[in-house]
Amino acid sequence: MTKWRWLILFVPLAIFTVMVVVLLRGLGSDPRELESTMIGKPIPAFQLPDLYQPDILHDQGVLQGRPMLLNVWATWCPTCRAEHQYLNKLAQQGVYIVGLNYKDDSRAKAIDWLNTLGDPYQLNLMDLSGQVALDLGVYGAPETFLIDSDGIVRYRHVGDVNPRVWEQDLGPKYQQLMQQYESEERQ
């Protein structure tokens, strides 16, 4: 076989092999597992109004002091609606959840939504511009961040929080942070 004939056979085969590897790698990945640059870093500085009392401004200090979930939600988000009942259940079980209302155009609509579906949040921040969510690296709602008592992001979940996600992933991580927090409190 001549050198050129060998190249004519080998080059397309090599290109095909590379394409198959790239495509198979993409098929095997979970689109909800998006890398976050915030893991291990403190919550970015912010000042946001309280959803219920807009004259009260909160800063990143409200996301310190105890382990908590920061749940990014919006009234226009159907998946947020789907997860909301489960968040209510977690709140009733004592899970501390802070809400970050993301780009809703109406405070009244957001409050009505919570009055209708229940409010699982200990505190609700209103991010009208979406800047804080952008600083957190949010791709869309819902997203939930696990934050330790020092205000450090420890984990990020993209998509709805449901029983499977809680039992297999987020819940054990939250419980571990709570155990560390409680043992530090006793000292």
Protein backbone atom coordinates (compact mmCIF):
# COMPACT_ATOMS: atom_id res chain seq x y z
CA MET A 1 0.00 0.00 0.00
CA THR A 2 1.36 3.40 -0.90
CA LYS A 3 1.86 6.17 1.62
CA TRP A 4 -1.00 8.28 0.18
CA ARG A 5 -3.41 5.40 0.12
CA TRP A 6 -2.63 4.67 3.76
CA LEU A 7 -3.32 8.32 4.72
CA ILE A 8 -6.58 8.35 2.77
CA LEU A 9 -7.80 5.41 4.86
CA PHE A 10 -6.31 6.46 8.20
CA VAL A 11 -7.32 10.16 8.41
CA PRO A 12 -11.10 9.62 8.04
CA LEU A 13 -10.93 6.71 10.47
CA ALA A 14 -9.08 8.86 13.03
CA ILE A 15 -11.57 11.71 12.64
CA PHE A 16 -14.49 9.31 13.01
CA THR A 17 -12.97 7.78 16.16
CA VAL A 18 -12.45 11.19 17.77
CA MET A 19 -16.04 12.21 16.97
CA VAL A 20 -17.44 8.99 18.47
CA VAL A 21 -15.44 9.49 21.68
CA VAL A 22 -16.60 13.12 22.03
CA LEU A 23 -20.25 12.24 21.40
CA LEU A 24 -20.24 9.26 23.76
CA ARG A 25 -18.67 11.36 26.49
CA GLY A 26 -21.42 13.96 26.09
CA LEU A 27 -24.16 11.33 26.22
CA GLY A 28 -22.80 9.95 29.47
CA SER A 29 -22.77 13.28 31.31
CA ASP A 30 -25.54 14.60 33.51
CA PRO A 31 -26.66 18.07 32.34
CA ARG A 32 -27.63 18.95 35.93
CA GLU A 33 -24.03 18.53 37.05
CA LEU A 34 -22.74 21.89 35.94
CA GLU A 35 -19.43 23.02 37.35
CA SER A 36 -19.67 25.91 39.75
CA THR A 37 -16.82 28.30 40.34
CA MET A 38 -18.43 29.22 43.68
CA ILE A 39 -17.79 25.90 45.45
CA GLY A 40 -15.50 26.58 48.40
CA LYS A 41 -15.88 30.35 48.08
CA PRO A 42 -17.88 32.84 50.15
CA ILE A 43 -21.18 34.17 48.92
CA PRO A 44 -20.48 37.30 46.85
CA ALA A 45 -21.21 40.66 48.46
CA PHE A 46 -24.71 41.97 47.79
CA GLN A 47 -27.49 44.21 49.04
CA LEU A 48 -30.99 43.04 48.19
CA PRO A 49 -34.42 44.08 49.39
CA ASP A 50 -36.59 41.81 51.45
CA LEU A 51 -39.44 40.43 49.35
CA TYR A 52 -42.10 41.31 51.94
CA GLN A 53 -40.57 44.57 53.23
CA PRO A 54 -38.67 46.16 50.33
CA ASP A 55 -37.41 49.04 52.47
CA ILE A 56 -35.31 46.51 54.41
CA LEU A 57 -32.02 45.70 52.67
CA HIS A 58 -30.13 42.50 53.41
CA ASP A 59 -26.48 41.80 52.70
CA GLN A 60 -24.49 38.58 52.41
CA GLY A 61 -24.30 38.40 56.21
CA VAL A 62 -27.82 36.91 56.27
CA LEU A 63 -26.31 33.81 54.64
CA GLN A 64 -24.00 33.15 57.59
CA GLY A 65 -24.42 31.83 61.10
CA ARG A 66 -25.80 28.37 60.34
CA PRO A 67 -25.93 25.86 57.48
CA MET A 68 -28.72 26.59 55.03
CA LEU A 69 -30.07 26.14 51.56
CA LEU A 70 -30.29 29.12 49.23
CA ASN A 71 -33.04 28.33 46.74
CA VAL A 72 -33.22 30.39 43.53
CA TRP A 73 -36.86 30.52 42.39
CA ALA A 74 -39.28 32.49 40.24
CA THR A 75 -43.02 32.57 39.62
CA TRP A 76 -42.47 32.14 35.86
CA CYS A 77 -40.56 28.88 36.46
CA PRO A 78 -42.70 25.71 36.15
CA THR A 79 -40.02 23.55 37.75
CA CYS A 80 -39.96 25.89 40.76
CA ARG A 81 -43.67 25.28 41.16
CA ALA A 82 -43.08 21.53 40.93
CA GLU A 83 -40.42 21.54 43.67
CA HIS A 84 -42.23 23.98 45.96
CA GLN A 85 -44.36 21.44 47.81
CA TYR A 86 -41.26 19.44 48.69
CA LEU A 87 -39.46 22.57 49.91
CA ASN A 88 -42.46 23.24 52.19
CA LYS A 89 -42.07 19.72 53.57
CA LEU A 90 -38.33 20.22 54.19
CA ALA A 91 -39.01 23.51 55.97
CA GLN A 92 -41.56 21.78 58.21
CA GLN A 93 -38.83 19.26 59.08
CA GLY A 94 -36.57 22.11 60.22
CA VAL A 95 -34.40 22.62 57.14
CA TYR A 96 -33.37 26.28 57.04
CA ILE A 97 -34.07 27.67 53.56
CA VAL A 98 -33.53 31.18 52.23
CA GLY A 99 -35.29 32.13 49.00
CA LEU A 100 -33.74 34.19 46.23
CA ASN A 101 -36.56 35.40 44.00
CA TYR A 102 -34.99 35.63 40.56
CA LYS A 103 -36.03 38.25 38.00
CA ASP A 104 -39.73 38.32 38.79
CA ASP A 105 -41.27 41.46 37.36
CA SER A 106 -43.79 41.85 40.15
CA ARG A 107 -43.24 41.72 43.90
CA ALA A 108 -47.02 41.33 44.33
CA LYS A 109 -47.05 38.31 42.02
CA ALA A 110 -44.21 36.69 43.98
CA ILE A 111 -45.94 37.30 47.31
CA ASP A 112 -49.24 35.99 45.94
CA TRP A 113 -47.43 32.87 44.67
CA LEU A 114 -46.01 32.22 48.15
CA ASN A 115 -49.36 32.92 49.84
CA THR A 116 -51.01 30.40 47.52
CA LEU A 117 -48.36 27.65 47.58
CA GLY A 118 -46.89 28.21 51.04
CA ASP A 119 -43.67 29.92 52.06
CA PRO A 120 -40.85 27.53 53.02
CA TYR A 121 -38.32 30.34 53.32
CA GLN A 122 -36.99 31.80 56.56
CA LEU A 123 -36.09 34.88 54.55
CA ASN A 124 -36.86 35.90 50.99
CA LEU A 125 -34.53 38.12 48.97
CA MET A 126 -35.69 39.88 45.80
CA ASP A 127 -33.14 39.87 42.96
CA LEU A 128 -35.01 41.95 40.37
CA SER A 129 -32.01 42.46 38.08
CA GLY A 130 -30.67 38.93 38.47
CA GLN A 131 -27.21 40.31 39.32
CA VAL A 132 -26.73 38.29 42.52
CA ALA A 133 -27.85 35.13 40.74
CA LEU A 134 -25.40 35.95 37.95
CA ASP A 135 -22.62 36.44 40.52
CA LEU A 136 -23.47 32.99 41.89
CA GLY A 137 -23.23 31.49 38.41
CA VAL A 138 -26.93 30.66 38.16
CA TYR A 139 -27.96 29.30 34.76
CA GLY A 140 -31.68 29.41 35.50
CA ALA A 141 -34.25 28.61 38.11
CA PRO A 142 -34.47 26.54 40.15
CA GLU A 143 -30.99 26.15 41.56
CA THR A 144 -30.16 25.42 45.18
CA PHE A 145 -26.93 26.18 46.99
CA LEU A 146 -25.80 24.54 50.21
CA ILE A 147 -24.08 27.17 52.35
CA ASP A 148 -22.14 26.49 55.54
CA SER A 149 -22.30 28.58 58.72
CA ASP A 150 -19.41 30.76 57.51
CA GLY A 151 -21.26 31.72 54.32
CA ILE A 152 -19.15 29.43 52.11
CA VAL A 153 -20.85 27.68 49.19
CA ARG A 154 -20.35 23.94 49.68
CA TYR A 155 -22.58 22.49 46.98
CA ARG A 156 -24.82 23.50 44.10
CA HIS A 157 -27.78 21.60 42.70
CA VAL A 158 -29.26 22.57 39.34
CA GLY A 159 -32.91 21.63 38.90
CA ASP A 160 -35.67 20.77 41.29
CA VAL A 161 -35.15 19.49 44.81
CA ASN A 162 -37.26 16.36 45.11
CA PRO A 163 -37.25 13.31 47.41
CA ARG A 164 -34.63 11.48 45.33
CA VAL A 165 -32.29 14.48 45.16
CA TRP A 166 -32.73 15.15 48.88
CA GLU A 167 -32.27 11.56 50.05
CA GLN A 168 -29.37 10.66 47.77
CA ASP A 169 -27.48 13.91 47.43
CA LEU A 170 -28.42 17.18 49.06
CA GLY A 171 -29.83 15.84 52.35
CA PRO A 172 -26.72 13.92 53.44
CA LYS A 173 -24.54 16.94 52.65
CA TYR A 174 -26.88 19.22 54.62
CA GLN A 175 -26.97 16.80 57.57
CA GLN A 176 -23.17 16.60 57.61
CA LEU A 177 -22.90 20.39 57.78
CA MET A 178 -25.54 20.48 60.53
CA GLN A 179 -23.62 17.90 62.58
CA GLN A 180 -20.40 19.93 62.23
CA TYR A 181 -22.27 23.10 63.16
CA GLU A 182 -23.91 21.52 66.22
CA SER A 183 -20.62 20.05 67.47
CA GLU A 184 -18.96 23.47 67.11
CA GLU A 185 -21.86 25.09 68.98
CA ARG A 186 -21.38 22.69 71.91
CA GLN A 187 -17.71 23.61 72.27
